[in-house]
PDB file of N, CA and C in Angstrom:
ATOM      1  N   UNK A   1       0.836  -1.193   0.000  1.00  0.00           N
ATOM      2  CA  UNK A   1       0.000   0.000   0.000  1.00  0.00           C
ATOM      3  C   UNK A   1       0.877   1.252   0.000  1.00  0.00           C
ATOM      4  N   UNK A   2       0.374   2.270  -0.676  1.00  0.00           N
ATOM      5  CA  UNK A   2       1.060   3.554  -0.735  1.00  0.00           C
ATOM      6  C   UNK A   2       0.138   4.605  -0.127  1.00  0.00           C
ATOM      7  N   UNK A   3       0.701   5.500   0.653  1.00  0.00           N
ATOM      8  CA  UNK A   3      -0.085   6.562   1.279  1.00  0.00           C
ATOM      9  C   UNK A   3       0.360   7.909   0.740  1.00  0.00           C
ATOM     10  N   UNK A   4      -0.608   8.730   0.365  1.00  0.00           N
ATOM     11  CA  UNK A   4      -0.343  10.078  -0.139  1.00  0.00           C
ATOM     12  C   UNK A   4      -1.431  10.990   0.386  1.00  0.00           C
ATOM     13  N   UNK A   5      -1.018  12.032   1.089  1.00  0.00           N
ATOM     14  CA  UNK A   5      -1.967  13.013   1.646  1.00  0.00           C
ATOM     15  C   UNK A   5      -3.069  12.342   2.478  1.00  0.00           C
ATOM     16  N   UNK A   6      -2.683  11.318   3.232  1.00  0.00           N
ATOM     17  CA  UNK A   6      -3.618  10.637   4.115  1.00  0.00           C
ATOM     18  C   UNK A   6      -4.509   9.593   3.464  1.00  0.00           C
ATOM     19  N   UNK A   7      -4.378   9.397   2.168  1.00  0.00           N
ATOM     20  CA  UNK A   7      -5.183   8.394   1.468  1.00  0.00           C
ATOM     21  C   UNK A   7      -4.289   7.220   1.093  1.00  0.00           C
ATOM     22  N   UNK A   8      -4.841   6.018   1.127  1.00  0.00           N
ATOM     23  CA  UNK A   8      -4.084   4.829   0.773  1.00  0.00           C
ATOM     24  C   UNK A   8      -4.443   4.357  -0.627  1.00  0.00           C
ATOM     25  N   UNK A   9      -3.410   3.918  -1.348  1.00  0.00           N
ATOM     26  CA  UNK A   9      -3.571   3.436  -2.710  1.00  0.00           C
ATOM     27  C   UNK A   9      -2.880   2.082  -2.828  1.00  0.00           C
ATOM     28  N   UNK A  10      -3.470   1.140  -3.576  1.00  0.00           N
ATOM     29  CA  UNK A  10      -2.882  -0.199  -3.681  1.00  0.00           C
ATOM     30  C   UNK A  10      -1.600  -0.254  -4.505  1.00  0.00           C
ATOM     31  N   UNK A  11      -1.394   0.729  -5.411  1.00  0.00           N
ATOM     32  CA  UNK A  11      -0.168   0.735  -6.219  1.00  0.00           C
ATOM     33  C   UNK A  11       0.124   2.165  -6.677  1.00  0.00           C
ATOM     34  N   UNK A  12       1.296   2.341  -7.261  1.00  0.00           N
ATOM     35  CA  UNK A  12       1.713   3.672  -7.722  1.00  0.00           C
ATOM     36  C   UNK A  12       0.785   4.216  -8.811  1.00  0.00           C
ATOM     37  N   UNK A  13       0.327   3.341  -9.701  1.00  0.00           N
ATOM     38  CA  UNK A  13      -0.560   3.781 -10.793  1.00  0.00           C
ATOM     39  C   UNK A  13      -1.883   4.298 -10.233  1.00  0.00           C
ATOM     40  N   UNK A  14      -2.407   3.623  -9.225  1.00  0.00           N
ATOM     41  CA  UNK A  14      -3.682   4.081  -8.651  1.00  0.00           C
ATOM     42  C   UNK A  14      -3.491   5.399  -7.908  1.00  0.00           C
ATOM     43  N   UNK A  15      -2.326   5.605  -7.319  1.00  0.00           N
ATOM     44  CA  UNK A  15      -2.028   6.887  -6.669  1.00  0.00           C
ATOM     45  C   UNK A  15      -2.043   8.000  -7.718  1.00  0.00           C
ATOM     46  N   UNK A  16      -1.338   7.778  -8.825  1.00  0.00           N
ATOM     47  CA  UNK A  16      -1.288   8.780  -9.890  1.00  0.00           C
ATOM     48  C   UNK A  16      -2.687   9.095 -10.403  1.00  0.00           C
ATOM     49  N   UNK A  17      -3.467   8.058 -10.667  1.00  0.00           N
ATOM     50  CA  UNK A  17      -4.825   8.282 -11.179  1.00  0.00           C
ATOM     51  C   UNK A  17      -5.726   8.912 -10.116  1.00  0.00           C
ATOM     52  N   UNK A  18      -5.459   8.631  -8.859  1.00  0.00           N
ATOM     53  CA  UNK A  18      -6.217   9.264  -7.791  1.00  0.00           C
ATOM     54  C   UNK A  18      -5.987  10.764  -7.739  1.00  0.00           C
ATOM     55  N   UNK A  19      -4.768  11.178  -8.068  1.00  0.00           N
ATOM     56  CA  UNK A  19      -4.424  12.597  -8.033  1.00  0.00           C
ATOM     57  C   UNK A  19      -4.875  13.314  -9.306  1.00  0.00           C
ATOM     58  N   UNK A  20      -4.653  12.712 -10.480  1.00  0.00           N
ATOM     59  CA  UNK A  20      -4.964  13.429 -11.731  1.00  0.00           C
ATOM     60  C   UNK A  20      -6.120  12.827 -12.508  1.00  0.00           C
ATOM     61  N   UNK A  21      -6.696  11.733 -12.021  1.00  0.00           N
ATOM     62  CA  UNK A  21      -7.756  11.052 -12.757  1.00  0.00           C
ATOM     63  C   UNK A  21      -9.069  11.793 -12.731  1.00  0.00           C
ATOM     64  N   UNK A  22     -10.009  11.260 -13.454  1.00  0.00           N
ATOM     65  CA  UNK A  22     -11.329  11.885 -13.556  1.00  0.00           C
ATOM     66  C   UNK A  22     -11.435  12.645 -14.862  1.00  0.00           C
ATOM     67  N   UNK A  23     -12.585  13.165 -15.103  1.00  0.00           N
ATOM     68  CA  UNK A  23     -12.873  13.813 -16.379  1.00  0.00           C
ATOM     69  C   UNK A  23     -12.170  15.160 -16.549  1.00  0.00           C
ATOM     70  N   UNK A  24     -11.972  15.925 -15.461  1.00  0.00           N
ATOM     71  CA  UNK A  24     -11.540  17.306 -15.610  1.00  0.00           C
ATOM     72  C   UNK A  24     -10.150  17.643 -15.097  1.00  0.00           C
ATOM     73  N   UNK A  25      -9.607  16.887 -14.157  1.00  0.00           N
ATOM     74  CA  UNK A  25      -8.313  17.267 -13.576  1.00  0.00           C
ATOM     75  C   UNK A  25      -7.214  17.353 -14.621  1.00  0.00           C
ATOM     76  N   UNK A  26      -7.114  16.355 -15.488  1.00  0.00           N
ATOM     77  CA  UNK A  26      -6.074  16.355 -16.507  1.00  0.00           C
ATOM     78  C   UNK A  26      -6.265  17.519 -17.473  1.00  0.00           C
ATOM     79  N   UNK A  27      -7.498  17.847 -17.779  1.00  0.00           N
ATOM     80  CA  UNK A  27      -7.793  18.968 -18.677  1.00  0.00           C
ATOM     81  C   UNK A  27      -7.355  20.279 -18.031  1.00  0.00           C
ATOM     82  N   UNK A  28      -7.631  20.433 -16.751  1.00  0.00           N
ATOM     83  CA  UNK A  28      -7.198  21.632 -16.018  1.00  0.00           C
ATOM     84  C   UNK A  28      -5.675  21.736 -16.067  1.00  0.00           C
ATOM     85  N   UNK A  29      -4.995  20.635 -15.764  1.00  0.00           N
ATOM     86  CA  UNK A  29      -3.528  20.635 -15.767  1.00  0.00           C
ATOM     87  C   UNK A  29      -2.981  20.944 -17.155  1.00  0.00           C
ATOM     88  N   UNK A  30      -3.626  20.418 -18.187  1.00  0.00           N
ATOM     89  CA  UNK A  30      -3.214  20.687 -19.563  1.00  0.00           C
ATOM     90  C   UNK A  30      -3.235  22.190 -19.845  1.00  0.00           C
ATOM     91  N   UNK A  31      -4.275  22.861 -19.409  1.00  0.00           N
ATOM     92  CA  UNK A  31      -4.403  24.294 -19.678  1.00  0.00           C
ATOM     93  C   UNK A  31      -3.481  25.139 -18.806  1.00  0.00           C
ATOM     94  N   UNK A  32      -3.040  24.602 -17.683  1.00  0.00           N
ATOM     95  CA  UNK A  32      -2.137  25.352 -16.801  1.00  0.00           C
ATOM     96  C   UNK A  32      -0.659  25.059 -17.077  1.00  0.00           C
ATOM     97  N   UNK A  33      -0.369  24.173 -18.018  1.00  0.00           N
ATOM     98  CA  UNK A  33       1.019  23.780 -18.280  1.00  0.00           C
ATOM     99  C   UNK A  33       1.915  24.956 -18.674  1.00  0.00           C
ATOM    100  N   UNK A  34       1.408  25.864 -19.480  1.00  0.00           N
ATOM    101  CA  UNK A  34       2.248  26.914 -20.041  1.00  0.00           C
ATOM    102  C   UNK A  34       2.196  28.248 -19.306  1.00  0.00           C
ATOM    103  N   UNK A  35       1.095  28.477 -18.608  1.00  0.00           N
ATOM    104  CA  UNK A  35       0.962  29.776 -17.941  1.00  0.00           C
ATOM    105  C   UNK A  35      -0.129  29.733 -16.882  1.00  0.00           C
ATOM    106  N   UNK A  36      -0.018  30.620 -15.886  1.00  0.00           N
ATOM    107  CA  UNK A  36      -1.108  30.737 -14.908  1.00  0.00           C
ATOM    108  C   UNK A  36      -2.352  31.300 -15.602  1.00  0.00           C
ATOM    109  N   UNK A  37      -3.512  30.871 -15.130  1.00  0.00           N
ATOM    110  CA  UNK A  37      -4.769  31.358 -15.697  1.00  0.00           C
ATOM    111  C   UNK A  37      -5.725  31.769 -14.591  1.00  0.00           C
ATOM    112  N   UNK A  38      -6.530  32.764 -14.885  1.00  0.00           N
ATOM    113  CA  UNK A  38      -7.593  33.151 -13.973  1.00  0.00           C
ATOM    114  C   UNK A  38      -8.743  32.157 -14.134  1.00  0.00           C
ATOM    115  N   UNK A  39      -9.602  32.122 -13.139  1.00  0.00           N
ATOM    116  CA  UNK A  39     -10.730  31.193 -13.138  1.00  0.00           C
ATOM    117  C   UNK A  39     -11.549  31.316 -14.420  1.00  0.00           C
ATOM    118  N   UNK A  40     -11.895  32.539 -14.802  1.00  0.00           N
ATOM    119  CA  UNK A  40     -12.722  32.742 -15.997  1.00  0.00           C
ATOM    120  C   UNK A  40     -12.001  32.323 -17.275  1.00  0.00           C
ATOM    121  N   UNK A  41     -10.682  32.455 -17.307  1.00  0.00           N
ATOM    122  CA  UNK A  41      -9.922  31.991 -18.468  1.00  0.00           C
ATOM    123  C   UNK A  41     -10.018  30.465 -18.578  1.00  0.00           C
ATOM    124  N   UNK A  42      -9.911  29.788 -17.439  1.00  0.00           N
ATOM    125  CA  UNK A  42     -10.071  28.335 -17.434  1.00  0.00           C
ATOM    126  C   UNK A  42     -11.468  27.945 -17.910  1.00  0.00           C
ATOM    127  N   UNK A  43     -12.486  28.652 -17.450  1.00  0.00           N
ATOM    128  CA  UNK A  43     -13.863  28.370 -17.866  1.00  0.00           C
ATOM    129  C   UNK A  43     -14.022  28.509 -19.376  1.00  0.00           C
ATOM    130  N   UNK A  44     -13.372  29.523 -19.963  1.00  0.00           N
ATOM    131  CA  UNK A  44     -13.457  29.714 -21.411  1.00  0.00           C
ATOM    132  C   UNK A  44     -12.776  28.569 -22.163  1.00  0.00           C
ATOM    133  N   UNK A  45     -11.695  28.050 -21.598  1.00  0.00           N
ATOM    134  CA  UNK A  45     -10.974  26.939 -22.223  1.00  0.00           C
ATOM    135  C   UNK A  45     -11.756  25.625 -22.109  1.00  0.00           C
ATOM    136  N   UNK A  46     -12.632  25.557 -21.106  1.00  0.00           N
ATOM    137  CA  UNK A  46     -13.390  24.340 -20.817  1.00  0.00           C
ATOM    138  C   UNK A  46     -14.875  24.678 -20.718  1.00  0.00           C
ATOM    139  N   UNK A  47     -15.504  25.052 -21.816  1.00  0.00           N
ATOM    140  CA  UNK A  47     -16.883  25.548 -21.751  1.00  0.00           C
ATOM    141  C   UNK A  47     -17.915  24.536 -21.275  1.00  0.00           C
ATOM    142  N   UNK A  48     -17.631  23.238 -21.377  1.00  0.00           N
ATOM    143  CA  UNK A  48     -18.645  22.258 -20.982  1.00  0.00           C
ATOM    144  C   UNK A  48     -18.564  21.861 -19.507  1.00  0.00           C
ATOM    145  N   UNK A  49     -17.562  22.356 -18.771  1.00  0.00           N
ATOM    146  CA  UNK A  49     -17.478  22.057 -17.344  1.00  0.00           C
ATOM    147  C   UNK A  49     -18.379  23.035 -16.584  1.00  0.00           C
ATOM    148  N   UNK A  50     -19.043  22.538 -15.547  1.00  0.00           N
ATOM    149  CA  UNK A  50     -19.869  23.440 -14.736  1.00  0.00           C
ATOM    150  C   UNK A  50     -18.970  24.215 -13.779  1.00  0.00           C
ATOM    151  N   UNK A  51     -19.447  25.349 -13.325  1.00  0.00           N
ATOM    152  CA  UNK A  51     -18.679  26.158 -12.379  1.00  0.00           C
ATOM    153  C   UNK A  51     -18.404  25.376 -11.104  1.00  0.00           C
ATOM    154  N   UNK A  52     -19.393  24.654 -10.624  1.00  0.00           N
ATOM    155  CA  UNK A  52     -19.244  23.869  -9.403  1.00  0.00           C
ATOM    156  C   UNK A  52     -18.158  22.798  -9.560  1.00  0.00           C
ATOM    157  N   UNK A  53     -18.197  22.080 -10.669  1.00  0.00           N
ATOM    158  CA  UNK A  53     -17.216  21.028 -10.915  1.00  0.00           C
ATOM    159  C   UNK A  53     -15.818  21.608 -11.022  1.00  0.00           C
ATOM    160  N   UNK A  54     -15.668  22.702 -11.759  1.00  0.00           N
ATOM    161  CA  UNK A  54     -14.357  23.328 -11.895  1.00  0.00           C
ATOM    162  C   UNK A  54     -13.825  23.761 -10.540  1.00  0.00           C
ATOM    163  N   UNK A  55     -14.663  24.371  -9.745  1.00  0.00           N
ATOM    164  CA  UNK A  55     -14.240  24.811  -8.407  1.00  0.00           C
ATOM    165  C   UNK A  55     -13.809  23.634  -7.541  1.00  0.00           C
ATOM    166  N   UNK A  56     -14.584  22.560  -7.560  1.00  0.00           N
ATOM    167  CA  UNK A  56     -14.266  21.375  -6.754  1.00  0.00           C
ATOM    168  C   UNK A  56     -12.948  20.751  -7.207  1.00  0.00           C
ATOM    169  N   UNK A  57     -12.761  20.612  -8.516  1.00  0.00           N
ATOM    170  CA  UNK A  57     -11.540  19.984  -9.032  1.00  0.00           C
ATOM    171  C   UNK A  57     -10.310  20.846  -8.753  1.00  0.00           C
ATOM    172  N   UNK A  58     -10.437  22.162  -8.883  1.00  0.00           N
ATOM    173  CA  UNK A  58      -9.325  23.054  -8.552  1.00  0.00           C
ATOM    174  C   UNK A  58      -8.967  22.939  -7.072  1.00  0.00           C
ATOM    175  N   UNK A  59      -9.985  22.853  -6.235  1.00  0.00           N
ATOM    176  CA  UNK A  59      -9.748  22.725  -4.796  1.00  0.00           C
ATOM    177  C   UNK A  59      -9.020  21.415  -4.474  1.00  0.00           C
ATOM    178  N   UNK A  60      -9.434  20.317  -5.113  1.00  0.00           N
ATOM    179  CA  UNK A  60      -8.777  19.025  -4.886  1.00  0.00           C
ATOM    180  C   UNK A  60      -7.324  19.063  -5.354  1.00  0.00           C
ATOM    181  N   UNK A  61      -7.084  19.657  -6.510  1.00  0.00           N
ATOM    182  CA  UNK A  61      -5.712  19.775  -7.012  1.00  0.00           C
ATOM    183  C   UNK A  61      -4.859  20.647  -6.096  1.00  0.00           C
ATOM    184  N   UNK A  62      -5.486  21.669  -5.536  1.00  0.00           N
ATOM    185  CA  UNK A  62      -4.780  22.539  -4.585  1.00  0.00           C
ATOM    186  C   UNK A  62      -4.461  21.767  -3.301  1.00  0.00           C
ATOM    187  N   UNK A  63      -5.410  21.001  -2.793  1.00  0.00           N
ATOM    188  CA  UNK A  63      -5.198  20.200  -1.581  1.00  0.00           C
ATOM    189  C   UNK A  63      -4.078  19.177  -1.764  1.00  0.00           C
ATOM    190  N   UNK A  64      -3.941  18.648  -2.989  1.00  0.00           N
ATOM    191  CA  UNK A  64      -2.899  17.664  -3.275  1.00  0.00           C
ATOM    192  C   UNK A  64      -1.553  18.310  -3.591  1.00  0.00           C
ATOM    193  N   UNK A  65      -1.498  19.643  -3.586  1.00  0.00           N
ATOM    194  CA  UNK A  65      -0.234  20.337  -3.815  1.00  0.00           C
ATOM    195  C   UNK A  65       0.168  20.420  -5.276  1.00  0.00           C
ATOM    196  N   UNK A  66      -0.787  20.235  -6.183  1.00  0.00           N
ATOM    197  CA  UNK A  66      -0.515  20.244  -7.617  1.00  0.00           C
ATOM    198  C   UNK A  66      -0.724  21.641  -8.210  1.00  0.00           C
ATOM    199  N   UNK A  67      -1.733  22.328  -7.723  1.00  0.00           N
ATOM    200  CA  UNK A  67      -2.089  23.663  -8.208  1.00  0.00           C
ATOM    201  C   UNK A  67      -2.048  24.627  -7.039  1.00  0.00           C
ATOM    202  N   UNK A  68      -1.594  25.843  -7.334  1.00  0.00           N
ATOM    203  CA  UNK A  68      -1.664  26.881  -6.288  1.00  0.00           C
ATOM    204  C   UNK A  68      -2.618  27.975  -6.739  1.00  0.00           C
ATOM    205  N   UNK A  69      -3.268  28.534  -5.767  1.00  0.00           N
ATOM    206  CA  UNK A  69      -4.263  29.586  -5.992  1.00  0.00           C
ATOM    207  C   UNK A  69      -3.697  30.866  -5.392  1.00  0.00           C
ATOM    208  N   UNK A  70      -3.575  31.883  -6.211  1.00  0.00           N
ATOM    209  CA  UNK A  70      -3.049  33.157  -5.730  1.00  0.00           C
ATOM    210  C   UNK A  70      -4.137  34.211  -5.858  1.00  0.00           C
ATOM    211  N   UNK A  71      -4.398  34.894  -4.744  1.00  0.00           N
ATOM    212  CA  UNK A  71      -5.431  35.929  -4.722  1.00  0.00           C
ATOM    213  C   UNK A  71      -4.743  37.284  -4.684  1.00  0.00           C
ATOM    214  N   UNK A  72      -5.105  38.145  -5.616  1.00  0.00           N
ATOM    215  CA  UNK A  72      -4.590  39.513  -5.655  1.00  0.00           C
ATOM    216  C   UNK A  72      -5.662  40.421  -5.071  1.00  0.00           C
ATOM    217  N   UNK A  73      -5.322  41.088  -3.973  1.00  0.00           N
ATOM    218  CA  UNK A  73      -6.311  41.936  -3.294  1.00  0.00           C
ATOM    219  C   UNK A  73      -5.885  43.399  -3.248  1.00  0.00           C
ATOM    220  N   UNK A  74      -4.850  43.749  -4.001  1.00  0.00           N
ATOM    221  CA  UNK A  74      -4.342  45.116  -3.918  1.00  0.00           C
ATOM    222  C   UNK A  74      -5.379  46.160  -4.299  1.00  0.00           C
ATOM    223  N   UNK A  75      -6.216  45.831  -5.269  1.00  0.00           N
ATOM    224  CA  UNK A  75      -7.284  46.768  -5.634  1.00  0.00           C
ATOM    225  C   UNK A  75      -8.436  45.994  -6.258  1.00  0.00           C
ATOM    226  N   UNK A  76      -9.628  46.470  -6.105  1.00  0.00           N
ATOM    227  CA  UNK A  76     -10.780  45.791  -6.700  1.00  0.00           C
ATOM    228  C   UNK A  76     -10.705  45.854  -8.214  1.00  0.00           C
ATOM    229  N   UNK A  77     -11.290  44.944  -8.943  1.00  0.00           N
ATOM    230  CA  UNK A  77     -11.951  43.747  -8.452  1.00  0.00           C
ATOM    231  C   UNK A  77     -10.928  42.676  -8.038  1.00  0.00           C
ATOM    232  N   UNK A  78     -11.383  41.793  -7.189  1.00  0.00           N
ATOM    233  CA  UNK A  78     -10.564  40.687  -6.707  1.00  0.00           C
ATOM    234  C   UNK A  78     -10.113  39.837  -7.887  1.00  0.00           C
ATOM    235  N   UNK A  79      -8.840  39.450  -7.900  1.00  0.00           N
ATOM    236  CA  UNK A  79      -8.303  38.640  -8.990  1.00  0.00           C
ATOM    237  C   UNK A  79      -7.730  37.363  -8.393  1.00  0.00           C
ATOM    238  N   UNK A  80      -8.153  36.207  -8.931  1.00  0.00           N
ATOM    239  CA  UNK A  80      -7.657  34.913  -8.484  1.00  0.00           C
ATOM    240  C   UNK A  80      -7.014  34.222  -9.679  1.00  0.00           C
ATOM    241  N   UNK A  81      -5.796  33.729  -9.459  1.00  0.00           N
ATOM    242  CA  UNK A  81      -5.044  33.096 -10.531  1.00  0.00           C
ATOM    243  C   UNK A  81      -4.602  31.708 -10.094  1.00  0.00           C
ATOM    244  N   UNK A  82      -4.654  30.755 -11.009  1.00  0.00           N
ATOM    245  CA  UNK A  82      -4.243  29.378 -10.731  1.00  0.00           C
ATOM    246  C   UNK A  82      -3.008  29.044 -11.559  1.00  0.00           C
ATOM    247  N   UNK A  83      -2.088  28.323 -10.933  1.00  0.00           N
ATOM    248  CA  UNK A  83      -0.880  27.895 -11.635  1.00  0.00           C
ATOM    249  C   UNK A  83      -0.412  26.566 -11.052  1.00  0.00           C
ATOM    250  N   UNK A  84       0.487  25.911 -11.771  1.00  0.00           N
ATOM    251  CA  UNK A  84       1.055  24.661 -11.274  1.00  0.00           C
ATOM    252  C   UNK A  84       2.107  24.977 -10.215  1.00  0.00           C
ATOM    253  N   UNK A  85       2.139  24.181  -9.183  1.00  0.00           N
ATOM    254  CA  UNK A  85       3.204  24.290  -8.194  1.00  0.00           C
ATOM    255  C   UNK A  85       4.457  23.637  -8.774  1.00  0.00           C
ATOM    256  N   UNK A  86       5.553  23.740  -8.049  1.00  0.00           N
ATOM    257  CA  UNK A  86       6.781  23.055  -8.486  1.00  0.00           C
ATOM    258  C   UNK A  86       6.507  21.557  -8.589  1.00  0.00           C
ATOM    259  N   UNK A  87       5.798  21.012  -7.596  1.00  0.00           N
ATOM    260  CA  UNK A  87       5.421  19.598  -7.597  1.00  0.00           C
ATOM    261  C   UNK A  87       4.491  19.301  -8.772  1.00  0.00           C
ATOM    262  N   UNK A  88       3.548  20.194  -9.038  1.00  0.00           N
ATOM    263  CA  UNK A  88       2.618  20.023 -10.154  1.00  0.00           C
ATOM    264  C   UNK A  88       3.321  20.017 -11.498  1.00  0.00           C
ATOM    265  N   UNK A  89       4.393  20.799 -11.629  1.00  0.00           N
ATOM    266  CA  UNK A  89       5.137  20.859 -12.888  1.00  0.00           C
ATOM    267  C   UNK A  89       5.810  19.533 -13.216  1.00  0.00           C
ATOM    268  N   UNK A  90       6.012  18.682 -12.213  1.00  0.00           N
ATOM    269  CA  UNK A  90       6.599  17.362 -12.492  1.00  0.00           C
ATOM    270  C   UNK A  90       5.631  16.496 -13.299  1.00  0.00           C
ATOM    271  N   UNK A  91       4.364  16.881 -13.356  1.00  0.00           N
ATOM    272  CA  UNK A  91       3.361  16.143 -14.138  1.00  0.00           C
ATOM    273  C   UNK A  91       3.328  16.549 -15.612  1.00  0.00           C
ATOM    274  N   UNK A  92       4.031  17.615 -15.981  1.00  0.00           N
ATOM    275  CA  UNK A  92       3.978  18.103 -17.366  1.00  0.00           C
ATOM    276  C   UNK A  92       4.343  17.019 -18.382  1.00  0.00           C
ATOM    277  N   UNK A  93       5.437  16.255 -18.192  1.00  0.00           N
ATOM    278  CA  UNK A  93       5.722  15.211 -19.192  1.00  0.00           C
ATOM    279  C   UNK A  93       4.588  14.186 -19.313  1.00  0.00           C
ATOM    280  N   UNK A  94       3.961  13.850 -18.206  1.00  0.00           N
ATOM    281  CA  UNK A  94       2.850  12.905 -18.217  1.00  0.00           C
ATOM    282  C   UNK A  94       1.639  13.497 -18.953  1.00  0.00           C
ATOM    283  N   UNK A  95       1.312  14.739 -18.666  1.00  0.00           N
ATOM    284  CA  UNK A  95       0.177  15.402 -19.321  1.00  0.00           C
ATOM    285  C   UNK A  95       0.439  15.531 -20.821  1.00  0.00           C
ATOM    286  N   UNK A  96       1.680  15.879 -21.190  1.00  0.00           N
ATOM    287  CA  UNK A  96       2.027  15.965 -22.613  1.00  0.00           C
ATOM    288  C   UNK A  96       1.885  14.602 -23.282  1.00  0.00           C
ATOM    289  N   UNK A  97       2.330  13.536 -22.613  1.00  0.00           N
ATOM    290  CA  UNK A  97       2.221  12.180 -23.175  1.00  0.00           C
ATOM    291  C   UNK A  97       0.754  11.797 -23.367  1.00  0.00           C
ATOM    292  N   UNK A  98      -0.095  12.149 -22.416  1.00  0.00           N
ATOM    293  CA  UNK A  98      -1.526  11.860 -22.533  1.00  0.00           C
ATOM    294  C   UNK A  98      -2.120  12.617 -23.722  1.00  0.00           C
ATOM    295  N   UNK A  99      -1.756  13.903 -23.868  1.00  0.00           N
ATOM    296  CA  UNK A  99      -2.251  14.707 -24.990  1.00  0.00           C
ATOM    297  C   UNK A  99      -1.729  14.160 -26.318  1.00  0.00           C
ATOM    298  N   UNK A 100      -0.455  13.768 -26.360  1.00  0.00           N
ATOM    299  CA  UNK A 100       0.121  13.204 -27.582  1.00  0.00           C
ATOM    300  C   UNK A 100      -0.592  11.912 -27.978  1.00  0.00           C
ATOM    301  N   UNK A 101      -0.915  11.088 -26.992  1.00  0.00           N
ATOM    302  CA  UNK A 101      -1.621   9.852 -27.289  1.00  0.00           C
ATOM    303  C   UNK A 101      -3.007  10.163 -27.863  1.00  0.00           C
ATOM    304  N   UNK A 102      -3.658  11.183 -27.328  1.00  0.00           N
ATOM    305  CA  UNK A 102      -4.964  11.592 -27.860  1.00  0.00           C
ATOM    306  C   UNK A 102      -4.862  12.007 -29.316  1.00  0.00           C
ATOM    307  N   UNK A 103      -3.816  12.781 -29.656  1.00  0.00           N
ATOM    308  CA  UNK A 103      -3.587  13.159 -31.057  1.00  0.00           C
ATOM    309  C   UNK A 103      -3.355  11.926 -31.918  1.00  0.00           C
ATOM    310  N   UNK A 104      -2.543  10.985 -31.402  1.00  0.00           N
ATOM    311  CA  UNK A 104      -2.259   9.746 -32.121  1.00  0.00           C
ATOM    312  C   UNK A 104      -3.545   8.953 -32.359  1.00  0.00           C
ATOM    313  N   UNK A 105      -4.380   8.824 -31.335  1.00  0.00           N
ATOM    314  CA  UNK A 105      -5.621   8.062 -31.452  1.00  0.00           C
ATOM    315  C   UNK A 105      -6.540   8.668 -32.509  1.00  0.00           C
ATOM    316  N   UNK A 106      -6.600   9.988 -32.549  1.00  0.00           N
ATOM    317  CA  UNK A 106      -7.432  10.662 -33.548  1.00  0.00           C
ATOM    318  C   UNK A 106      -6.909  10.376 -34.954  1.00  0.00           C
ATOM    319  N   UNK A 107      -5.582  10.443 -35.129  1.00  0.00           N
ATOM    320  CA  UNK A 107      -5.021  10.193 -36.458  1.00  0.00           C
ATOM    321  C   UNK A 107      -5.192   8.727 -36.867  1.00  0.00           C
ATOM    322  N   UNK A 108      -5.100   7.806 -35.920  1.00  0.00           N
ATOM    323  CA  UNK A 108      -5.295   6.380 -36.215  1.00  0.00           C
ATOM    324  C   UNK A 108      -6.735   6.095 -36.621  1.00  0.00           C
ATOM    325  N   UNK A 109      -7.649   6.784 -35.990  1.00  0.00           N
ATOM    326  CA  UNK A 109      -9.072   6.571 -36.271  1.00  0.00           C
ATOM    327  C   UNK A 109      -9.407   6.965 -37.703  1.00  0.00           C
ATOM    328  N   UNK A 110      -8.708   7.964 -38.230  1.00  0.00           N
ATOM    329  CA  UNK A 110      -9.022   8.437 -39.573  1.00  0.00           C
ATOM    330  C   UNK A 110      -8.382   7.592 -40.674  1.00  0.00           C
ATOM    331  N   UNK A 111      -7.509   6.664 -40.305  1.00  0.00           N
ATOM    332  CA  UNK A 111      -6.863   5.807 -41.297  1.00  0.00           C
ATOM    333  C   UNK A 111      -7.830   4.714 -41.739  1.00  0.00           C
ATOM    334  N   UNK A 112      -7.753   4.336 -43.027  1.00  0.00           N
ATOM    335  CA  UNK A 112      -8.627   3.242 -43.496  1.00  0.00           C
ATOM    336  C   UNK A 112      -8.220   1.910 -42.856  1.00  0.00           C
ATOM    337  N   UNK A 113      -9.186   1.064 -42.611  1.00  0.00           N
ATOM    338  CA  UNK A 113      -8.920  -0.253 -42.030  1.00  0.00           C
ATOM    339  C   UNK A 113      -8.323  -1.137 -43.111  1.00  0.00           C
ATOM    340  N   UNK A 114      -7.199  -1.761 -42.799  1.00  0.00           N
ATOM    341  CA  UNK A 114      -6.493  -2.597 -43.794  1.00  0.00           C
ATOM    342  C   UNK A 114      -7.149  -3.941 -43.973  1.00  0.00           C
TER     343      UNK A 114
END
């Protein structure tokens, strides 16, 4: 058994999927790979996600130390920005590999069956 952030996982793969798995976490990480984004920018990149789901997934990623939330309060309106932590940036090669496989799968699907 492996323990991470108080949760137990039967193997390393299940730990990884526990942290980044699900429908939206990987998509969020994909959009944060290159630059920090504000909440509304993330919503525009992911129009089919509900506000509630996005908020919950961002909170879970923040709790796991993958994403950091920075609040700017120097002057109104309040600005909140999300970015990958140093630990979160270690997932970039994995996220890129997942995206590359998606591109590969799409190109394979368009090939005629031999």
